[in-house]
Amino acid sequence: MNHPNRNWRARLREQAAALGPDLVAAWQAVTLAHGTLSDGLSLLNVATDGAYTLSRLGEWRNARRSIPEGVQHHMRRIVLEVLLGDSKTAAAVESAIAPPQSR
């Protein structure tokens, strides 16, 4: 029997292409597959110590505002966990692909 993460690179490419290049759209797709955007925003706010709203989410999605680094990190991590099916692997991949944090 094959390990579920055996071909994760190919799965990641396929699933990422299906979600599109937009991080916010990918996060929204994953969030809606598991609940509501309000629930996802609540988790995002707890994880980032923020107070983001559905309006702000729309501004990020439409590129009217830039997405804070902490929010990008959280969104990437959530999307990768769903795509890869493993939080440890997702953390490793996210840290490898994340841009350096500003100091």
PDB file of N, CA and C in Angstrom:
ATOM      1  N   MET A   1       0.839  -1.185   0.000  1.00  0.00           N
ATOM      2  CA  MET A   1       0.000   0.000   0.000  1.00  0.00           C
ATOM      3  C   MET A   1       0.885   1.249   0.000  1.00  0.00           C
ATOM      4  N   ASN A   2       0.526   2.232  -0.809  1.00  0.00           N
ATOM      5  CA  ASN A   2       1.299   3.471  -0.888  1.00  0.00           C
ATOM      6  C   ASN A   2       1.015   4.378   0.300  1.00  0.00           C
ATOM      7  N   HIS A   3       2.049   5.019   0.768  1.00  0.00           N
ATOM      8  CA  HIS A   3       1.898   6.022   1.826  1.00  0.00           C
ATOM      9  C   HIS A   3       1.120   7.203   1.239  1.00  0.00           C
ATOM     10  N   PRO A   4       0.197   7.824   2.027  1.00  0.00           N
ATOM     11  CA  PRO A   4      -0.630   8.905   1.474  1.00  0.00           C
ATOM     12  C   PRO A   4       0.169  10.119   0.995  1.00  0.00           C
ATOM     13  N   ASN A   5       1.370  10.317   1.503  1.00  0.00           N
ATOM     14  CA  ASN A   5       2.171  11.464   1.084  1.00  0.00           C
ATOM     15  C   ASN A   5       3.239  11.105   0.052  1.00  0.00           C
ATOM     16  N   ARG A   6       3.173   9.887  -0.463  1.00  0.00           N
ATOM     17  CA  ARG A   6       4.202   9.395  -1.372  1.00  0.00           C
ATOM     18  C   ARG A   6       4.419  10.305  -2.577  1.00  0.00           C
ATOM     19  N   ASN A   7       3.365  10.743  -3.190  1.00  0.00           N
ATOM     20  CA  ASN A   7       3.501  11.552  -4.393  1.00  0.00           C
ATOM     21  C   ASN A   7       2.977  12.962  -4.137  1.00  0.00           C
ATOM     22  N   TRP A   8       3.377  13.543  -3.008  1.00  0.00           N
ATOM     23  CA  TRP A   8       2.822  14.836  -2.616  1.00  0.00           C
ATOM     24  C   TRP A   8       3.198  15.963  -3.567  1.00  0.00           C
ATOM     25  N   ARG A   9       4.360  15.907  -4.189  1.00  0.00           N
ATOM     26  CA  ARG A   9       4.744  16.988  -5.106  1.00  0.00           C
ATOM     27  C   ARG A   9       3.810  17.068  -6.303  1.00  0.00           C
ATOM     28  N   ALA A  10       3.497  15.917  -6.883  1.00  0.00           N
ATOM     29  CA  ALA A  10       2.577  15.899  -8.028  1.00  0.00           C
ATOM     30  C   ALA A  10       1.185  16.346  -7.595  1.00  0.00           C
ATOM     31  N   ARG A  11       0.728  15.851  -6.415  1.00  0.00           N
ATOM     32  CA  ARG A  11      -0.584  16.255  -5.910  1.00  0.00           C
ATOM     33  C   ARG A  11      -0.616  17.749  -5.638  1.00  0.00           C
ATOM     34  N   LEU A  12       0.455  18.270  -5.079  1.00  0.00           N
ATOM     35  CA  LEU A  12       0.524  19.699  -4.779  1.00  0.00           C
ATOM     36  C   LEU A  12       0.405  20.521  -6.058  1.00  0.00           C
ATOM     37  N   ARG A  13       1.138  20.131  -7.100  1.00  0.00           N
ATOM     38  CA  ARG A  13       1.072  20.849  -8.379  1.00  0.00           C
ATOM     39  C   ARG A  13      -0.340  20.835  -8.943  1.00  0.00           C
ATOM     40  N   GLU A  14      -0.964  19.655  -8.971  1.00  0.00           N
ATOM     41  CA  GLU A  14      -2.313  19.523  -9.523  1.00  0.00           C
ATOM     42  C   GLU A  14      -3.319  20.329  -8.717  1.00  0.00           C
ATOM     43  N   GLN A  15      -3.291  20.186  -7.410  1.00  0.00           N
ATOM     44  CA  GLN A  15      -4.280  20.857  -6.574  1.00  0.00           C
ATOM     45  C   GLN A  15      -4.042  22.358  -6.520  1.00  0.00           C
ATOM     46  N   ALA A  16      -2.792  22.779  -6.525  1.00  0.00           N
ATOM     47  CA  ALA A  16      -2.500  24.207  -6.532  1.00  0.00           C
ATOM     48  C   ALA A  16      -2.964  24.829  -7.844  1.00  0.00           C
ATOM     49  N   ALA A  17      -2.774  24.119  -8.954  1.00  0.00           N
ATOM     50  CA  ALA A  17      -3.237  24.624 -10.250  1.00  0.00           C
ATOM     51  C   ALA A  17      -4.754  24.740 -10.259  1.00  0.00           C
ATOM     52  N   ALA A  18      -5.437  23.782  -9.638  1.00  0.00           N
ATOM     53  CA  ALA A  18      -6.895  23.820  -9.586  1.00  0.00           C
ATOM     54  C   ALA A  18      -7.390  24.993  -8.745  1.00  0.00           C
ATOM     55  N   LEU A  19      -6.659  25.333  -7.699  1.00  0.00           N
ATOM     56  CA  LEU A  19      -7.061  26.447  -6.835  1.00  0.00           C
ATOM     57  C   LEU A  19      -6.713  27.794  -7.447  1.00  0.00           C
ATOM     58  N   GLY A  20      -5.739  27.840  -8.320  1.00  0.00           N
ATOM     59  CA  GLY A  20      -5.314  29.102  -8.902  1.00  0.00           C
ATOM     60  C   GLY A  20      -4.163  29.703  -8.123  1.00  0.00           C
ATOM     61  N   PRO A  21      -3.556  30.742  -8.682  1.00  0.00           N
ATOM     62  CA  PRO A  21      -2.354  31.320  -8.082  1.00  0.00           C
ATOM     63  C   PRO A  21      -2.626  32.232  -6.889  1.00  0.00           C
ATOM     64  N   ASP A  22      -3.854  32.600  -6.652  1.00  0.00           N
ATOM     65  CA  ASP A  22      -4.176  33.583  -5.636  1.00  0.00           C
ATOM     66  C   ASP A  22      -4.273  32.931  -4.258  1.00  0.00           C
ATOM     67  N   LEU A  23      -3.417  33.362  -3.343  1.00  0.00           N
ATOM     68  CA  LEU A  23      -3.388  32.796  -1.997  1.00  0.00           C
ATOM     69  C   LEU A  23      -4.713  32.982  -1.268  1.00  0.00           C
ATOM     70  N   VAL A  24      -5.305  34.151  -1.380  1.00  0.00           N
ATOM     71  CA  VAL A  24      -6.566  34.403  -0.681  1.00  0.00           C
ATOM     72  C   VAL A  24      -7.669  33.515  -1.251  1.00  0.00           C
ATOM     73  N   ALA A  25      -7.717  33.382  -2.577  1.00  0.00           N
ATOM     74  CA  ALA A  25      -8.734  32.518  -3.192  1.00  0.00           C
ATOM     75  C   ALA A  25      -8.528  31.060  -2.780  1.00  0.00           C
ATOM     76  N   ALA A  26      -7.279  30.637  -2.706  1.00  0.00           N
ATOM     77  CA  ALA A  26      -6.986  29.262  -2.281  1.00  0.00           C
ATOM     78  C   ALA A  26      -7.413  29.056  -0.832  1.00  0.00           C
ATOM     79  N   TRP A  27      -7.085  30.019   0.034  1.00  0.00           N
ATOM     80  CA  TRP A  27      -7.478  29.926   1.445  1.00  0.00           C
ATOM     81  C   TRP A  27      -9.001  29.907   1.579  1.00  0.00           C
ATOM     82  N   GLN A  28      -9.673  30.744   0.797  1.00  0.00           N
ATOM     83  CA  GLN A  28     -11.135  30.777   0.841  1.00  0.00           C
ATOM     84  C   GLN A  28     -11.722  29.441   0.393  1.00  0.00           C
ATOM     85  N   ALA A  29     -11.178  28.860  -0.665  1.00  0.00           N
ATOM     86  CA  ALA A  29     -11.681  27.570  -1.162  1.00  0.00           C
ATOM     87  C   ALA A  29     -11.525  26.497  -0.091  1.00  0.00           C
ATOM     88  N   VAL A  30     -10.378  26.462   0.553  1.00  0.00           N
ATOM     89  CA  VAL A  30     -10.126  25.485   1.613  1.00  0.00           C
ATOM     90  C   VAL A  30     -11.054  25.744   2.799  1.00  0.00           C
ATOM     91  N   THR A  31     -11.204  27.008   3.170  1.00  0.00           N
ATOM     92  CA  THR A  31     -12.059  27.370   4.303  1.00  0.00           C
ATOM     93  C   THR A  31     -13.509  26.983   4.039  1.00  0.00           C
ATOM     94  N   LEU A  32     -14.011  27.297   2.853  1.00  0.00           N
ATOM     95  CA  LEU A  32     -15.403  26.988   2.522  1.00  0.00           C
ATOM     96  C   LEU A  32     -15.654  25.487   2.421  1.00  0.00           C
ATOM     97  N   ALA A  33     -14.615  24.729   2.098  1.00  0.00           N
ATOM     98  CA  ALA A  33     -14.756  23.268   2.041  1.00  0.00           C
ATOM     99  C   ALA A  33     -14.895  22.674   3.442  1.00  0.00           C
ATOM    100  N   HIS A  34     -14.506  23.436   4.459  1.00  0.00           N
ATOM    101  CA  HIS A  34     -14.518  22.931   5.830  1.00  0.00           C
ATOM    102  C   HIS A  34     -15.400  23.742   6.777  1.00  0.00           C
ATOM    103  N   GLY A  35     -16.088  24.749   6.276  1.00  0.00           N
ATOM    104  CA  GLY A  35     -16.927  25.580   7.141  1.00  0.00           C
ATOM    105  C   GLY A  35     -17.311  26.861   6.440  1.00  0.00           C
ATOM    106  N   THR A  36     -17.393  27.938   7.212  1.00  0.00           N
ATOM    107  CA  THR A  36     -17.774  29.238   6.652  1.00  0.00           C
ATOM    108  C   THR A  36     -16.575  30.188   6.661  1.00  0.00           C
ATOM    109  N   LEU A  37     -16.674  31.245   5.856  1.00  0.00           N
ATOM    110  CA  LEU A  37     -15.612  32.253   5.861  1.00  0.00           C
ATOM    111  C   LEU A  37     -15.524  32.935   7.225  1.00  0.00           C
ATOM    112  N   SER A  38     -16.657  33.136   7.881  1.00  0.00           N
ATOM    113  CA  SER A  38     -16.638  33.746   9.214  1.00  0.00           C
ATOM    114  C   SER A  38     -15.865  32.885  10.200  1.00  0.00           C
ATOM    115  N   ASP A  39     -16.077  31.561  10.129  1.00  0.00           N
ATOM    116  CA  ASP A  39     -15.312  30.649  10.994  1.00  0.00           C
ATOM    117  C   ASP A  39     -13.824  30.724  10.670  1.00  0.00           C
ATOM    118  N   GLY A  40     -13.507  30.729   9.373  1.00  0.00           N
ATOM    119  CA  GLY A  40     -12.109  30.816   8.954  1.00  0.00           C
ATOM    120  C   GLY A  40     -11.462  32.111   9.404  1.00  0.00           C
ATOM    121  N   LEU A  41     -12.208  33.222   9.295  1.00  0.00           N
ATOM    122  CA  LEU A  41     -11.671  34.504   9.752  1.00  0.00           C
ATOM    123  C   LEU A  41     -11.458  34.514  11.260  1.00  0.00           C
ATOM    124  N   SER A  42     -12.356  33.879  11.997  1.00  0.00           N
ATOM    125  CA  SER A  42     -12.175  33.793  13.452  1.00  0.00           C
ATOM    126  C   SER A  42     -10.877  33.073  13.786  1.00  0.00           C
ATOM    127  N   LEU A  43     -10.625  31.951  13.092  1.00  0.00           N
ATOM    128  CA  LEU A  43      -9.379  31.206  13.314  1.00  0.00           C
ATOM    129  C   LEU A  43      -8.163  32.023  12.886  1.00  0.00           C
ATOM    130  N   LEU A  44      -8.289  32.720  11.758  1.00  0.00           N
ATOM    131  CA  LEU A  44      -7.207  33.578  11.275  1.00  0.00           C
ATOM    132  C   LEU A  44      -6.906  34.669  12.306  1.00  0.00           C
ATOM    133  N   ASN A  45      -7.940  35.289  12.847  1.00  0.00           N
ATOM    134  CA  ASN A  45      -7.747  36.355  13.835  1.00  0.00           C
ATOM    135  C   ASN A  45      -7.085  35.836  15.105  1.00  0.00           C
ATOM    136  N   VAL A  46      -7.462  34.650  15.534  1.00  0.00           N
ATOM    137  CA  VAL A  46      -6.827  34.066  16.726  1.00  0.00           C
ATOM    138  C   VAL A  46      -5.363  33.753  16.431  1.00  0.00           C
ATOM    139  N   ALA A  47      -5.101  33.144  15.272  1.00  0.00           N
ATOM    140  CA  ALA A  47      -3.742  32.729  14.924  1.00  0.00           C
ATOM    141  C   ALA A  47      -2.799  33.909  14.719  1.00  0.00           C
ATOM    142  N   THR A  48      -3.339  35.031  14.222  1.00  0.00           N
ATOM    143  CA  THR A  48      -2.482  36.174  13.902  1.00  0.00           C
ATOM    144  C   THR A  48      -2.628  37.323  14.892  1.00  0.00           C
ATOM    145  N   ASP A  49      -3.487  37.133  15.895  1.00  0.00           N
ATOM    146  CA  ASP A  49      -3.766  38.182  16.874  1.00  0.00           C
ATOM    147  C   ASP A  49      -4.306  39.426  16.176  1.00  0.00           C
ATOM    148  N   GLY A  50      -5.152  39.199  15.157  1.00  0.00           N
ATOM    149  CA  GLY A  50      -5.707  40.298  14.370  1.00  0.00           C
ATOM    150  C   GLY A  50      -7.188  40.483  14.624  1.00  0.00           C
ATOM    151  N   ALA A  51      -7.776  41.402  13.878  1.00  0.00           N
ATOM    152  CA  ALA A  51      -9.214  41.665  13.957  1.00  0.00           C
ATOM    153  C   ALA A  51      -9.720  41.907  12.539  1.00  0.00           C
ATOM    154  N   TYR A  52      -9.421  40.974  11.641  1.00  0.00           N
ATOM    155  CA  TYR A  52      -9.757  41.129  10.236  1.00  0.00           C
ATOM    156  C   TYR A  52     -11.222  40.806   9.978  1.00  0.00           C
ATOM    157  N   THR A  53     -11.786  41.466   8.962  1.00  0.00           N
ATOM    158  CA  THR A  53     -13.202  41.314   8.633  1.00  0.00           C
ATOM    159  C   THR A  53     -13.360  40.750   7.225  1.00  0.00           C
ATOM    160  N   LEU A  54     -14.602  40.423   6.888  1.00  0.00           N
ATOM    161  CA  LEU A  54     -14.890  39.958   5.526  1.00  0.00           C
ATOM    162  C   LEU A  54     -14.563  41.047   4.506  1.00  0.00           C
ATOM    163  N   SER A  55     -14.759  42.311   4.890  1.00  0.00           N
ATOM    164  CA  SER A  55     -14.415  43.420   3.995  1.00  0.00           C
ATOM    165  C   SER A  55     -12.918  43.444   3.693  1.00  0.00           C
ATOM    166  N   ARG A  56     -12.106  43.248   4.745  1.00  0.00           N
ATOM    167  CA  ARG A  56     -10.652  43.233   4.552  1.00  0.00           C
ATOM    168  C   ARG A  56     -10.241  42.068   3.667  1.00  0.00           C
ATOM    169  N   LEU A  57     -10.891  40.922   3.855  1.00  0.00           N
ATOM    170  CA  LEU A  57     -10.619  39.756   3.022  1.00  0.00           C
ATOM    171  C   LEU A  57     -10.868  40.092   1.547  1.00  0.00           C
ATOM    172  N   GLY A  58     -11.947  40.800   1.279  1.00  0.00           N
ATOM    173  CA  GLY A  58     -12.247  41.232  -0.091  1.00  0.00           C
ATOM    174  C   GLY A  58     -11.191  42.173  -0.637  1.00  0.00           C
ATOM    175  N   GLU A  59     -10.695  43.069   0.213  1.00  0.00           N
ATOM    176  CA  GLU A  59      -9.641  43.993  -0.217  1.00  0.00           C
ATOM    177  C   GLU A  59      -8.363  43.238  -0.566  1.00  0.00           C
ATOM    178  N   TRP A  60      -8.043  42.217   0.211  1.00  0.00           N
ATOM    179  CA  TRP A  60      -6.857  41.400  -0.102  1.00  0.00           C
ATOM    180  C   TRP A  60      -7.064  40.643  -1.397  1.00  0.00           C
ATOM    181  N   ARG A  61      -8.256  40.055  -1.555  1.00  0.00           N
ATOM    182  CA  ARG A  61      -8.551  39.249  -2.741  1.00  0.00           C
ATOM    183  C   ARG A  61      -8.496  40.099  -4.008  1.00  0.00           C
ATOM    184  N   ASN A  62      -8.940  41.361  -3.907  1.00  0.00           N
ATOM    185  CA  ASN A  62      -8.961  42.257  -5.062  1.00  0.00           C
ATOM    186  C   ASN A  62      -7.708  43.116  -5.171  1.00  0.00           C
ATOM    187  N   ALA A  63      -6.714  42.836  -4.340  1.00  0.00           N
ATOM    188  CA  ALA A  63      -5.419  43.527  -4.353  1.00  0.00           C
ATOM    189  C   ALA A  63      -5.542  45.024  -4.094  1.00  0.00           C
ATOM    190  N   ARG A  64      -6.552  45.419  -3.345  1.00  0.00           N
ATOM    191  CA  ARG A  64      -6.668  46.828  -2.956  1.00  0.00           C
ATOM    192  C   ARG A  64      -5.811  47.120  -1.732  1.00  0.00           C
ATOM    193  N   ARG A  65      -5.483  46.085  -0.975  1.00  0.00           N
ATOM    194  CA  ARG A  65      -4.584  46.210   0.183  1.00  0.00           C
ATOM    195  C   ARG A  65      -3.617  45.038   0.148  1.00  0.00           C
ATOM    196  N   SER A  66      -2.423  45.275   0.667  1.00  0.00           N
ATOM    197  CA  SER A  66      -1.470  44.172   0.742  1.00  0.00           C
ATOM    198  C   SER A  66      -1.802  43.295   1.950  1.00  0.00           C
ATOM    199  N   ILE A  67      -1.455  42.030   1.844  1.00  0.00           N
ATOM    200  CA  ILE A  67      -1.743  41.064   2.903  1.00  0.00           C
ATOM    201  C   ILE A  67      -0.574  41.072   3.888  1.00  0.00           C
ATOM    202  N   PRO A  68      -0.850  41.287   5.174  1.00  0.00           N
ATOM    203  CA  PRO A  68       0.235  41.274   6.162  1.00  0.00           C
ATOM    204  C   PRO A  68       0.983  39.932   6.150  1.00  0.00           C
ATOM    205  N   GLU A  69       2.275  39.976   6.455  1.00  0.00           N
ATOM    206  CA  GLU A  69       3.112  38.772   6.411  1.00  0.00           C
ATOM    207  C   GLU A  69       2.572  37.642   7.273  1.00  0.00           C
ATOM    208  N   GLY A  70       2.131  37.968   8.482  1.00  0.00           N
ATOM    209  CA  GLY A  70       1.611  36.940   9.378  1.00  0.00           C
ATOM    210  C   GLY A  70       0.376  36.256   8.810  1.00  0.00           C
ATOM    211  N   VAL A  71      -0.457  37.029   8.137  1.00  0.00           N
ATOM    212  CA  VAL A  71      -1.658  36.478   7.512  1.00  0.00           C
ATOM    213  C   VAL A  71      -1.264  35.581   6.335  1.00  0.00           C
ATOM    214  N   GLN A  72      -0.304  36.045   5.531  1.00  0.00           N
ATOM    215  CA  GLN A  72       0.173  35.222   4.411  1.00  0.00           C
ATOM    216  C   GLN A  72       0.698  33.883   4.927  1.00  0.00           C
ATOM    217  N   HIS A  73       1.486  33.934   5.976  1.00  0.00           N
ATOM    218  CA  HIS A  73       2.062  32.726   6.564  1.00  0.00           C
ATOM    219  C   HIS A  73       0.947  31.769   6.992  1.00  0.00           C
ATOM    220  N   HIS A  74      -0.045  32.290   7.702  1.00  0.00           N
ATOM    221  CA  HIS A  74      -1.143  31.450   8.182  1.00  0.00           C
ATOM    222  C   HIS A  74      -1.930  30.850   7.015  1.00  0.00           C
ATOM    223  N   MET A  75      -2.260  31.672   6.030  1.00  0.00           N
ATOM    224  CA  MET A  75      -3.037  31.182   4.877  1.00  0.00           C
ATOM    225  C   MET A  75      -2.273  30.101   4.120  1.00  0.00           C
ATOM    226  N   ARG A  76      -0.983  30.348   3.890  1.00  0.00           N
ATOM    227  CA  ARG A  76      -0.154  29.357   3.186  1.00  0.00           C
ATOM    228  C   ARG A  76      -0.138  28.045   3.949  1.00  0.00           C
ATOM    229  N   ARG A  77       0.028  28.144   5.253  1.00  0.00           N
ATOM    230  CA  ARG A  77       0.108  26.949   6.095  1.00  0.00           C
ATOM    231  C   ARG A  77      -1.187  26.143   6.046  1.00  0.00           C
ATOM    232  N   ILE A  78      -2.328  26.818   6.129  1.00  0.00           N
ATOM    233  CA  ILE A  78      -3.622  26.138   6.097  1.00  0.00           C
ATOM    234  C   ILE A  78      -3.828  25.451   4.749  1.00  0.00           C
ATOM    235  N   VAL A  79      -3.553  26.156   3.670  1.00  0.00           N
ATOM    236  CA  VAL A  79      -3.728  25.584   2.330  1.00  0.00           C
ATOM    237  C   VAL A  79      -2.808  24.380   2.149  1.00  0.00           C
ATOM    238  N   LEU A  80      -1.562  24.500   2.569  1.00  0.00           N
ATOM    239  CA  LEU A  80      -0.620  23.380   2.437  1.00  0.00           C
ATOM    240  C   LEU A  80      -1.033  22.185   3.290  1.00  0.00           C
ATOM    241  N   GLU A  81      -1.538  22.420   4.488  1.00  0.00           N
ATOM    242  CA  GLU A  81      -1.994  21.305   5.328  1.00  0.00           C
ATOM    243  C   GLU A  81      -3.092  20.510   4.635  1.00  0.00           C
ATOM    244  N   VAL A  82      -4.017  21.218   4.006  1.00  0.00           N
ATOM    245  CA  VAL A  82      -5.110  20.531   3.314  1.00  0.00           C
ATOM    246  C   VAL A  82      -4.583  19.806   2.082  1.00  0.00           C
ATOM    247  N   LEU A  83      -3.736  20.471   1.308  1.00  0.00           N
ATOM    248  CA  LEU A  83      -3.207  19.845   0.088  1.00  0.00           C
ATOM    249  C   LEU A  83      -2.329  18.640   0.388  1.00  0.00           C
ATOM    250  N   LEU A  84      -1.497  18.754   1.420  1.00  0.00           N
ATOM    251  CA  LEU A  84      -0.552  17.683   1.726  1.00  0.00           C
ATOM    252  C   LEU A  84      -1.116  16.660   2.704  1.00  0.00           C
ATOM    253  N   GLY A  85      -2.141  17.032   3.442  1.00  0.00           N
ATOM    254  CA  GLY A  85      -2.756  16.118   4.391  1.00  0.00           C
ATOM    255  C   GLY A  85      -1.932  15.846   5.635  1.00  0.00           C
ATOM    256  N   ASP A  86      -0.960  16.709   5.918  1.00  0.00           N
ATOM    257  CA  ASP A  86      -0.069  16.479   7.052  1.00  0.00           C
ATOM    258  C   ASP A  86       0.480  17.812   7.538  1.00  0.00           C
ATOM    259  N   SER A  87       0.247  18.134   8.801  1.00  0.00           N
ATOM    260  CA  SER A  87       0.672  19.435   9.307  1.00  0.00           C
ATOM    261  C   SER A  87       2.191  19.558   9.426  1.00  0.00           C
ATOM    262  N   LYS A  88       2.880  18.453   9.736  1.00  0.00           N
ATOM    263  CA  LYS A  88       4.343  18.506   9.850  1.00  0.00           C
ATOM    264  C   LYS A  88       4.990  18.799   8.494  1.00  0.00           C
ATOM    265  N   THR A  89       4.535  18.092   7.476  1.00  0.00           N
ATOM    266  CA  THR A  89       5.060  18.311   6.129  1.00  0.00           C
ATOM    267  C   THR A  89       4.714  19.713   5.658  1.00  0.00           C
ATOM    268  N   ALA A  90       3.489  20.154   5.945  1.00  0.00           N
ATOM    269  CA  ALA A  90       3.064  21.494   5.544  1.00  0.00           C
ATOM    270  C   ALA A  90       3.946  22.564   6.183  1.00  0.00           C
ATOM    271  N   ALA A  91       4.280  22.384   7.451  1.00  0.00           N
ATOM    272  CA  ALA A  91       5.140  23.349   8.143  1.00  0.00           C
ATOM    273  C   ALA A  91       6.522  23.407   7.494  1.00  0.00           C
ATOM    274  N   ALA A  92       7.053  22.249   7.134  1.00  0.00           N
ATOM    275  CA  ALA A  92       8.372  22.203   6.497  1.00  0.00           C
ATOM    276  C   ALA A  92       8.343  22.866   5.121  1.00  0.00           C
ATOM    277  N   VAL A  93       7.325  22.568   4.338  1.00  0.00           N
ATOM    278  CA  VAL A  93       7.213  23.161   2.999  1.00  0.00           C
ATOM    279  C   VAL A  93       6.988  24.664   3.120  1.00  0.00           C
ATOM    280  N   GLU A  94       6.110  25.071   4.019  1.00  0.00           N
ATOM    281  CA  GLU A  94       5.815  26.497   4.182  1.00  0.00           C
ATOM    282  C   GLU A  94       7.057  27.273   4.577  1.00  0.00           C
ATOM    283  N   SER A  95       7.845  26.727   5.474  1.00  0.00           N
ATOM    284  CA  SER A  95       9.056  27.452   5.880  1.00  0.00           C
ATOM    285  C   SER A  95      10.077  27.502   4.747  1.00  0.00           C
ATOM    286  N   ALA A  96      10.058  26.491   3.884  1.00  0.00           N
ATOM    287  CA  ALA A  96      10.990  26.477   2.754  1.00  0.00           C
ATOM    288  C   ALA A  96      10.592  27.473   1.664  1.00  0.00           C
ATOM    289  N   ILE A  97       9.294  27.689   1.476  1.00  0.00           N
ATOM    290  CA  ILE A  97       8.854  28.563   0.390  1.00  0.00           C
ATOM    291  C   ILE A  97       8.488  29.968   0.858  1.00  0.00           C
ATOM    292  N   ALA A  98       8.369  30.179   2.154  1.00  0.00           N
ATOM    293  CA  ALA A  98       7.976  31.495   2.668  1.00  0.00           C
ATOM    294  C   ALA A  98       9.073  32.523   2.431  1.00  0.00           C
ATOM    295  N   PRO A  99       8.674  33.733   2.047  1.00  0.00           N
ATOM    296  CA  PRO A  99       9.690  34.783   1.921  1.00  0.00           C
ATOM    297  C   PRO A  99      10.236  35.130   3.292  1.00  0.00           C
ATOM    298  N   PRO A 100      11.451  35.659   3.353  1.00  0.00           N
ATOM    299  CA  PRO A 100      12.015  36.030   4.663  1.00  0.00           C
ATOM    300  C   PRO A 100      11.132  37.070   5.339  1.00  0.00           C
ATOM    301  N   GLN A 101      10.955  36.946   6.651  1.00  0.00           N
ATOM    302  CA  GLN A 101      10.140  37.892   7.418  1.00  0.00           C
ATOM    303  C   GLN A 101      10.892  39.208   7.568  1.00  0.00           C
ATOM    304  N   SER A 102      10.144  40.297   7.526  1.00  0.00           N
ATOM    305  CA  SER A 102      10.755  41.606   7.764  1.00  0.00           C
ATOM    306  C   SER A 102      11.102  41.738   9.235  1.00  0.00           C
ATOM    307  N   ARG A 103      12.113  42.457   9.504  1.00  0.00           N
ATOM    308  CA  ARG A 103      12.518  42.644  10.911  1.00  0.00           C
ATOM    309  C   ARG A 103      12.105  44.019  11.370  1.00  0.00           C
TER     310      ARG A 103
END
